[in-house]
Amino acid sequence: MRIKILVTGGTFDKEYDELSGRLFFKDTHVPEILRLGRCNLQVQVRTLMMIDSLEMTDADRDIILNHCKSCAEDKIVITHGTDTMEITARHLGMAHLSKTIVLTGAMVPYKFGSSDGLFNLGAALAFVQTLPAGVYVVMNGRYFAWDNVRKNKSTGMFESLT
């Protein structure tokens, strides 16, 4: 079983510039995380974009959707910013692809050392292997169907709509 990991940026991959105090993107941290986690899965990582999800457009979501459609793998994990993750999940879910697609991210950048991204990526890799075809958001050890999820901005946690 091969798994495609599509990288789009988000807090997961942000770096901190100590001189300016700003967050920025350089390269994805996914290969390093997989190596540190001693991942024993057949994965292929592809960086599609490195942007904050608040800057993501419908054209960007179409790029993600087209890669999901065209890749040979039927198990796909997408690293994504949490602010608009549910919007992208709905965009992908409405396409009704015969693939298992899991979106995940982080509330704290990986480079900060106390990131939830490692746990979330591990959970996403486990869920993508076990869930049936569909689109899901995986955060904090839970999974949510694409049409039943939102980010609670006051708690910083994802939750079901119902």
Protein backbone atom coordinates (compact mmCIF):
# COMPACT_ATOMS: atom_id res chain seq x y z
CA MET A 1 0.00 0.00 0.00
CA ARG A 2 1.47 3.31 -1.10
CA ILE A 3 0.39 6.59 0.44
CA LYS A 4 0.74 9.97 -1.23
CA ILE A 5 1.42 12.92 1.08
CA LEU A 6 0.56 16.28 -0.46
CA VAL A 7 2.07 19.29 1.28
CA THR A 8 0.34 22.68 1.10
CA GLY A 9 2.05 24.59 3.92
CA GLY A 10 0.16 25.89 6.92
CA THR A 11 1.45 26.26 10.46
CA PHE A 12 2.82 22.70 10.19
CA ASP A 13 5.67 23.90 7.97
CA LYS A 14 6.30 27.41 9.25
CA GLU A 15 9.71 28.54 10.47
CA TYR A 16 10.44 31.36 12.90
CA ASP A 17 12.78 34.24 12.06
CA GLU A 18 14.26 35.29 15.40
CA LEU A 19 15.47 38.64 14.04
CA SER A 20 12.16 39.85 12.64
CA GLY A 21 9.85 37.79 14.85
CA ARG A 22 7.96 36.63 11.75
CA LEU A 23 6.88 33.17 10.65
CA PHE A 24 7.85 32.11 7.13
CA PHE A 25 8.07 29.09 4.83
CA LYS A 26 11.28 27.46 3.67
CA ASP A 27 10.89 23.72 3.00
CA THR A 28 8.48 21.11 4.26
CA HIS A 29 9.38 19.25 7.44
CA VAL A 30 7.41 16.13 6.46
CA PRO A 31 10.42 14.00 5.37
CA GLU A 32 12.23 14.81 8.62
CA ILE A 33 9.15 13.95 10.69
CA LEU A 34 8.75 10.64 8.87
CA ARG A 35 12.42 9.84 9.46
CA LEU A 36 12.27 10.77 13.17
CA GLY A 37 9.08 8.74 13.58
CA ARG A 38 10.78 5.76 11.94
CA CYS A 39 7.90 5.56 9.49
CA ASN A 40 7.84 2.16 7.84
CA LEU A 41 5.18 2.95 5.26
CA GLN A 42 5.61 3.37 1.52
CA VAL A 43 5.00 7.10 1.15
CA GLN A 44 5.71 9.61 -1.55
CA VAL A 45 5.83 13.27 -0.49
CA ARG A 46 4.94 15.99 -3.00
CA THR A 47 4.95 19.68 -2.16
CA LEU A 48 2.15 21.45 -4.03
CA MET A 49 2.49 24.85 -2.37
CA MET A 50 3.79 26.44 0.80
CA ILE A 51 1.16 28.95 1.87
CA ASP A 52 -0.84 29.98 4.90
CA SER A 53 -4.34 28.53 4.53
CA LEU A 54 -5.83 32.01 5.04
CA GLU A 55 -4.24 32.90 1.70
CA MET A 56 -5.52 29.76 -0.05
CA THR A 57 -7.82 30.42 -3.00
CA ASP A 58 -10.32 28.27 -4.87
CA ALA A 59 -7.70 27.96 -7.62
CA ASP A 60 -5.29 26.51 -5.02
CA ARG A 61 -7.99 24.08 -3.90
CA ASP A 62 -8.49 23.04 -7.52
CA ILE A 63 -4.76 22.28 -7.74
CA ILE A 64 -5.08 20.04 -4.68
CA LEU A 65 -8.19 18.36 -6.12
CA ASN A 66 -6.53 17.76 -9.50
CA HIS A 67 -3.54 16.12 -7.81
CA CYS A 68 -5.87 13.91 -5.79
CA LYS A 69 -7.68 12.90 -8.98
CA SER A 70 -4.55 12.24 -11.03
CA CYS A 71 -2.28 10.46 -8.55
CA ALA A 72 -2.13 6.68 -8.76
CA GLU A 73 -2.47 6.23 -5.00
CA ASP A 74 -5.92 5.83 -3.47
CA LYS A 75 -4.67 6.78 0.02
CA ILE A 76 -3.77 10.47 0.32
CA VAL A 77 -2.73 12.61 3.30
CA ILE A 78 -2.74 16.38 2.86
CA THR A 79 -0.90 18.67 5.26
CA HIS A 80 -2.88 21.90 5.44
CA GLY A 81 -3.29 25.02 7.53
CA THR A 82 -6.01 24.68 10.14
CA ASP A 83 -7.77 28.00 9.53
CA THR A 84 -9.43 26.87 6.28
CA MET A 85 -8.92 23.11 6.42
CA GLU A 86 -12.65 22.39 6.54
CA ILE A 87 -13.22 24.52 3.41
CA THR A 88 -10.70 22.46 1.45
CA ALA A 89 -12.18 19.25 2.89
CA ARG A 90 -15.62 20.27 1.60
CA HIS A 91 -14.15 21.17 -1.80
CA LEU A 92 -12.57 17.72 -2.07
CA GLY A 93 -15.53 15.90 -0.53
CA MET A 94 -17.98 17.30 -3.08
CA ALA A 95 -15.87 15.71 -5.84
CA HIS A 96 -16.82 12.22 -4.55
CA LEU A 97 -13.51 10.57 -5.46
CA SER A 98 -13.08 6.83 -4.83
CA LYS A 99 -10.07 7.48 -2.62
CA THR A 100 -9.40 7.92 1.09
CA ILE A 101 -8.20 11.49 1.61
CA VAL A 102 -7.16 12.79 5.03
CA LEU A 103 -6.33 16.43 5.78
CA THR A 104 -4.27 17.23 8.84
CA GLY A 105 -2.24 20.09 10.24
CA ALA A 106 -0.82 21.67 13.35
CA MET A 107 -1.70 24.45 15.74
CA VAL A 108 1.98 24.95 16.62
CA PRO A 109 4.82 24.92 14.04
CA TYR A 110 6.95 21.75 14.00
CA LYS A 111 10.13 23.77 14.48
CA PHE A 112 8.88 25.06 17.85
CA GLY A 113 9.54 21.61 19.33
CA SER A 114 6.19 21.36 21.09
CA SER A 115 4.12 20.90 17.95
CA ASP A 116 1.03 18.75 17.74
CA GLY A 117 1.94 18.19 14.07
CA LEU A 118 3.92 15.02 14.72
CA PHE A 119 1.00 13.38 16.48
CA ASN A 120 -1.49 14.62 13.89
CA LEU A 121 0.59 13.34 10.96
CA GLY A 122 0.98 9.95 12.63
CA ALA A 123 -2.76 9.77 13.28
CA ALA A 124 -3.49 10.82 9.69
CA LEU A 125 -1.24 8.05 8.34
CA ALA A 126 -3.03 5.50 10.52
CA PHE A 127 -6.52 6.73 9.64
CA VAL A 128 -5.83 6.90 5.89
CA GLN A 129 -5.04 3.17 5.98
CA THR A 130 -8.19 2.19 7.86
CA LEU A 131 -11.03 4.53 6.88
CA PRO A 132 -13.20 3.81 3.84
CA ALA A 133 -13.07 5.99 0.74
CA GLY A 134 -14.05 9.56 1.54
CA VAL A 135 -12.58 12.84 2.76
CA TYR A 136 -11.72 13.38 6.40
CA VAL A 137 -10.09 15.89 8.73
CA VAL A 138 -7.81 14.31 11.33
CA MET A 139 -6.72 16.41 14.30
CA ASN A 140 -5.92 15.61 17.94
CA GLY A 141 -6.44 11.86 17.54
CA ARG A 142 -9.95 12.20 16.08
CA TYR A 143 -11.32 12.02 12.57
CA PHE A 144 -14.23 13.96 11.14
CA ALA A 145 -16.14 13.50 7.89
CA TRP A 146 -15.67 16.38 5.42
CA ASP A 147 -19.28 17.50 5.77
CA ASN A 148 -19.39 17.36 9.57
CA VAL A 149 -16.42 19.36 10.85
CA ARG A 150 -15.42 22.84 11.93
CA LYS A 151 -12.58 24.46 13.78
CA ASN A 152 -13.76 25.93 17.06
CA LYS A 153 -11.73 29.13 17.09
CA SER A 154 -12.28 29.73 20.81
CA THR A 155 -10.91 26.31 21.87
CA GLY A 156 -8.51 25.74 18.97
CA MET A 157 -9.96 22.26 18.52
CA PHE A 158 -11.84 20.63 15.67
CA GLU A 159 -15.34 19.37 16.39
CA SER A 160 -18.38 17.86 14.72
CA LEU A 161 -21.11 20.16 13.48
CA THR A 162 -23.77 17.87 14.94
